[in-house]
Amino acid sequence: MAITLHRCRNIWVKVSGHPCWNVQKALDDMGIEYVIAKEPVRRSRRSELEQQSGYTMLPVIEFEDGTFYREESKDMAQTIREGRLGTTASSG
């Protein structure tokens, strides 16, 4: 399953309280391959992501079929770790 992780540009932030890092770490821990799409830090500048997915909050996972997945990062990380990532997509 090829996915894109839409996350903030601050990829150097690797602390447990950072939502984008929490989801990225869960993907890494589960050995799921992904590519990173760096999004603007300011929500008001994420108009392209909003047009595509319907979301301005990060992180957002985009599946190969064009569907998107977004929840609170702790819930996303739990879904990933439980192996349920492929069952969560919704069109944006």
N, C-alpha and C. Protein backbone atom coordinates (compact mmCIF):
# COMPACT_ATOMS: atom_id res chain seq x y z
N MET A 1 0.85 -1.17 0.00
CA MET A 1 0.00 0.00 0.00
C MET A 1 0.90 1.24 0.00
N ALA A 2 0.85 2.04 -1.05
CA ALA A 2 1.63 3.26 -1.12
C ALA A 2 0.82 4.39 -0.50
N ILE A 3 1.40 5.09 0.46
CA ILE A 3 0.70 6.19 1.10
C ILE A 3 1.58 7.43 1.15
N THR A 4 0.94 8.56 1.32
CA THR A 4 1.63 9.83 1.51
C THR A 4 1.23 10.39 2.86
N LEU A 5 2.21 10.73 3.65
CA LEU A 5 1.97 11.37 4.93
C LEU A 5 2.12 12.87 4.74
N HIS A 6 1.00 13.57 4.83
CA HIS A 6 1.03 15.03 4.79
C HIS A 6 1.29 15.50 6.21
N ARG A 7 2.41 16.16 6.39
CA ARG A 7 2.80 16.60 7.73
C ARG A 7 3.42 17.99 7.64
N CYS A 8 3.65 18.59 8.79
CA CYS A 8 4.25 19.92 8.80
C CYS A 8 5.70 19.85 8.33
N ARG A 9 6.23 21.00 8.00
CA ARG A 9 7.60 21.08 7.50
C ARG A 9 8.65 20.87 8.58
N ASN A 10 8.24 20.88 9.82
CA ASN A 10 9.19 20.74 10.94
C ASN A 10 9.56 19.28 11.19
N ILE A 11 10.16 18.65 10.18
CA ILE A 11 10.46 17.23 10.31
C ILE A 11 11.56 16.95 11.33
N TRP A 12 12.26 17.96 11.76
CA TRP A 12 13.31 17.81 12.77
C TRP A 12 12.72 17.65 14.17
N VAL A 13 11.43 18.00 14.35
CA VAL A 13 10.80 17.88 15.68
C VAL A 13 10.43 16.41 15.89
N LYS A 14 11.10 15.78 16.84
CA LYS A 14 10.88 14.36 17.11
C LYS A 14 10.64 14.15 18.61
N VAL A 15 9.55 14.75 19.08
CA VAL A 15 9.16 14.59 20.48
C VAL A 15 7.75 14.01 20.53
N SER A 16 7.45 13.28 21.59
CA SER A 16 6.19 12.54 21.66
C SER A 16 4.97 13.44 21.64
N GLY A 17 5.10 14.71 21.98
CA GLY A 17 3.95 15.61 21.96
C GLY A 17 3.62 16.20 20.61
N HIS A 18 4.44 15.92 19.60
CA HIS A 18 4.23 16.50 18.27
C HIS A 18 3.35 15.57 17.44
N PRO A 19 2.16 16.03 17.03
CA PRO A 19 1.21 15.16 16.32
C PRO A 19 1.78 14.52 15.05
N CYS A 20 2.47 15.30 14.24
CA CYS A 20 3.01 14.76 12.99
C CYS A 20 4.05 13.67 13.27
N TRP A 21 4.89 13.90 14.26
CA TRP A 21 5.91 12.91 14.61
C TRP A 21 5.27 11.65 15.16
N ASN A 22 4.22 11.77 15.96
CA ASN A 22 3.55 10.59 16.52
C ASN A 22 3.08 9.65 15.42
N VAL A 23 2.48 10.21 14.40
CA VAL A 23 1.97 9.38 13.30
C VAL A 23 3.12 8.85 12.46
N GLN A 24 4.12 9.67 12.18
CA GLN A 24 5.27 9.22 11.41
C GLN A 24 5.99 8.08 12.13
N LYS A 25 6.16 8.20 13.43
CA LYS A 25 6.82 7.16 14.22
C LYS A 25 6.03 5.86 14.20
N ALA A 26 4.71 5.96 14.27
CA ALA A 26 3.88 4.75 14.22
C ALA A 26 4.05 4.06 12.86
N LEU A 27 4.08 4.83 11.79
CA LEU A 27 4.32 4.25 10.47
C LEU A 27 5.68 3.57 10.42
N ASP A 28 6.71 4.24 10.95
CA ASP A 28 8.05 3.67 10.99
C ASP A 28 8.08 2.39 11.82
N ASP A 29 7.47 2.43 13.00
CA ASP A 29 7.48 1.27 13.90
C ASP A 29 6.80 0.06 13.28
N MET A 30 5.79 0.30 12.44
CA MET A 30 5.05 -0.80 11.82
C MET A 30 5.63 -1.19 10.46
N GLY A 31 6.69 -0.52 10.04
CA GLY A 31 7.34 -0.85 8.79
C GLY A 31 6.52 -0.51 7.56
N ILE A 32 5.67 0.49 7.67
CA ILE A 32 4.82 0.90 6.55
C ILE A 32 5.58 1.94 5.73
N GLU A 33 5.69 1.69 4.44
CA GLU A 33 6.39 2.61 3.55
C GLU A 33 5.49 3.79 3.23
N TYR A 34 6.09 4.96 3.16
CA TYR A 34 5.33 6.17 2.87
C TYR A 34 6.28 7.21 2.31
N VAL A 35 5.70 8.22 1.71
CA VAL A 35 6.46 9.40 1.31
C VAL A 35 5.90 10.58 2.10
N ILE A 36 6.74 11.56 2.34
CA ILE A 36 6.33 12.73 3.11
C ILE A 36 6.01 13.88 2.16
N ALA A 37 4.87 14.49 2.39
CA ALA A 37 4.52 15.74 1.71
C ALA A 37 4.55 16.82 2.78
N LYS A 38 5.52 17.70 2.68
CA LYS A 38 5.66 18.77 3.67
C LYS A 38 4.65 19.87 3.40
N GLU A 39 3.81 20.11 4.37
CA GLU A 39 2.77 21.13 4.25
C GLU A 39 3.18 22.38 5.03
N PRO A 40 2.61 23.52 4.67
CA PRO A 40 2.92 24.75 5.41
C PRO A 40 2.56 24.63 6.88
N VAL A 41 3.31 25.29 7.72
CA VAL A 41 3.06 25.24 9.16
C VAL A 41 1.73 25.93 9.49
N ARG A 42 1.45 27.03 8.83
CA ARG A 42 0.21 27.78 9.09
C ARG A 42 -0.97 27.14 8.36
N ARG A 43 -2.02 26.86 9.11
CA ARG A 43 -3.22 26.25 8.54
C ARG A 43 -3.80 27.07 7.40
N SER A 44 -3.74 28.36 7.52
CA SER A 44 -4.34 29.24 6.50
C SER A 44 -3.65 29.10 5.15
N ARG A 45 -2.48 28.50 5.12
CA ARG A 45 -1.74 28.32 3.86
C ARG A 45 -1.85 26.92 3.29
N ARG A 46 -2.74 26.13 3.83
CA ARG A 46 -2.90 24.74 3.37
C ARG A 46 -4.10 24.59 2.45
N SER A 47 -4.34 25.58 1.61
CA SER A 47 -5.52 25.55 0.75
C SER A 47 -5.50 24.39 -0.25
N GLU A 48 -4.33 24.05 -0.76
CA GLU A 48 -4.25 22.93 -1.71
C GLU A 48 -4.63 21.62 -1.02
N LEU A 49 -4.11 21.40 0.18
CA LEU A 49 -4.47 20.19 0.93
C LEU A 49 -5.96 20.19 1.24
N GLU A 50 -6.49 21.34 1.60
CA GLU A 50 -7.91 21.41 1.92
C GLU A 50 -8.77 21.10 0.70
N GLN A 51 -8.37 21.60 -0.47
CA GLN A 51 -9.11 21.31 -1.70
C GLN A 51 -9.08 19.82 -2.02
N GLN A 52 -7.94 19.18 -1.79
CA GLN A 52 -7.79 17.76 -2.11
C GLN A 52 -8.51 16.86 -1.10
N SER A 53 -8.34 17.18 0.18
CA SER A 53 -8.76 16.25 1.23
C SER A 53 -9.95 16.73 2.07
N GLY A 54 -10.15 18.03 2.11
CA GLY A 54 -11.16 18.58 3.00
C GLY A 54 -10.62 18.91 4.38
N TYR A 55 -9.32 18.69 4.61
CA TYR A 55 -8.70 18.91 5.91
C TYR A 55 -7.68 20.04 5.85
N THR A 56 -7.57 20.79 6.95
CA THR A 56 -6.48 21.75 7.10
C THR A 56 -5.59 21.37 8.28
N MET A 57 -6.07 20.50 9.15
CA MET A 57 -5.28 20.04 10.30
C MET A 57 -4.35 18.93 9.84
N LEU A 58 -3.20 18.85 10.47
CA LEU A 58 -2.21 17.80 10.16
C LEU A 58 -2.03 16.90 11.37
N PRO A 59 -1.57 15.70 11.16
CA PRO A 59 -1.22 15.05 9.91
C PRO A 59 -2.44 14.48 9.19
N VAL A 60 -2.25 14.22 7.89
CA VAL A 60 -3.26 13.60 7.04
C VAL A 60 -2.55 12.50 6.24
N ILE A 61 -3.19 11.37 6.13
CA ILE A 61 -2.65 10.28 5.31
C ILE A 61 -3.47 10.19 4.04
N GLU A 62 -2.76 10.15 2.91
CA GLU A 62 -3.39 10.01 1.61
C GLU A 62 -3.05 8.63 1.06
N PHE A 63 -4.09 7.89 0.67
CA PHE A 63 -3.89 6.57 0.11
C PHE A 63 -3.73 6.65 -1.40
N GLU A 64 -3.20 5.60 -1.96
CA GLU A 64 -2.91 5.54 -3.39
C GLU A 64 -4.17 5.75 -4.24
N ASP A 65 -5.32 5.36 -3.72
CA ASP A 65 -6.57 5.48 -4.48
C ASP A 65 -7.20 6.88 -4.39
N GLY A 66 -6.51 7.82 -3.73
CA GLY A 66 -7.00 9.19 -3.65
C GLY A 66 -7.88 9.48 -2.45
N THR A 67 -8.03 8.52 -1.55
CA THR A 67 -8.79 8.77 -0.34
C THR A 67 -7.85 9.24 0.76
N PHE A 68 -8.43 9.85 1.79
CA PHE A 68 -7.65 10.45 2.87
C PHE A 68 -8.13 9.95 4.21
N TYR A 69 -7.24 10.03 5.21
CA TYR A 69 -7.54 9.62 6.57
C TYR A 69 -7.00 10.68 7.51
N ARG A 70 -7.86 11.11 8.46
CA ARG A 70 -7.46 12.11 9.45
C ARG A 70 -8.28 11.91 10.71
N GLU A 71 -7.60 11.82 11.83
CA GLU A 71 -8.17 11.81 13.17
C GLU A 71 -7.17 12.54 14.05
N GLU A 72 -7.46 12.58 15.34
CA GLU A 72 -6.44 13.08 16.26
C GLU A 72 -5.23 12.16 16.14
N SER A 73 -4.04 12.72 16.29
CA SER A 73 -2.82 11.95 16.03
C SER A 73 -2.70 10.71 16.91
N LYS A 74 -3.12 10.79 18.17
CA LYS A 74 -3.02 9.61 19.04
C LYS A 74 -3.92 8.49 18.52
N ASP A 75 -5.09 8.85 17.98
CA ASP A 75 -5.99 7.85 17.41
C ASP A 75 -5.44 7.29 16.11
N MET A 76 -4.82 8.16 15.30
CA MET A 76 -4.20 7.69 14.06
C MET A 76 -3.07 6.71 14.38
N ALA A 77 -2.22 7.06 15.35
CA ALA A 77 -1.11 6.19 15.73
C ALA A 77 -1.62 4.84 16.23
N GLN A 78 -2.68 4.86 17.02
CA GLN A 78 -3.25 3.61 17.53
C GLN A 78 -3.80 2.76 16.38
N THR A 79 -4.51 3.39 15.46
CA THR A 79 -5.04 2.67 14.29
C THR A 79 -3.91 2.03 13.50
N ILE A 80 -2.83 2.76 13.30
CA ILE A 80 -1.68 2.23 12.56
C ILE A 80 -1.08 1.05 13.30
N ARG A 81 -0.87 1.19 14.59
CA ARG A 81 -0.25 0.12 15.38
C ARG A 81 -1.14 -1.12 15.50
N GLU A 82 -2.44 -0.92 15.38
CA GLU A 82 -3.37 -2.06 15.44
C GLU A 82 -3.54 -2.72 14.07
N GLY A 83 -2.87 -2.19 13.06
CA GLY A 83 -2.94 -2.79 11.73
C GLY A 83 -4.23 -2.49 10.99
N ARG A 84 -4.93 -1.44 11.38
CA ARG A 84 -6.22 -1.11 10.77
C ARG A 84 -6.15 0.07 9.81
N LEU A 85 -4.98 0.47 9.41
CA LEU A 85 -4.82 1.67 8.59
C LEU A 85 -5.59 1.59 7.27
N GLY A 86 -5.56 0.48 6.61
CA GLY A 86 -6.23 0.35 5.30
C GLY A 86 -7.73 0.35 5.36
N THR A 87 -8.31 0.30 6.55
CA THR A 87 -9.77 0.26 6.68
C THR A 87 -10.37 1.58 7.07
N THR A 88 -9.57 2.65 7.08
CA THR A 88 -10.01 3.92 7.66
C THR A 88 -10.23 5.03 6.65
N ALA A 89 -9.97 4.80 5.39
CA ALA A 89 -9.99 5.88 4.40
C ALA A 89 -11.40 6.40 4.16
N SER A 90 -11.46 7.68 3.89
CA SER A 90 -12.70 8.31 3.46
C SER A 90 -12.34 9.35 2.41
N SER A 91 -13.21 9.56 1.48
CA SER A 91 -12.89 10.57 0.46
C SER A 91 -13.06 11.95 1.04
N GLY A 92 -12.18 12.85 0.64
CA GLY A 92 -12.15 14.18 1.21
C GLY A 92 -13.07 15.16 0.58
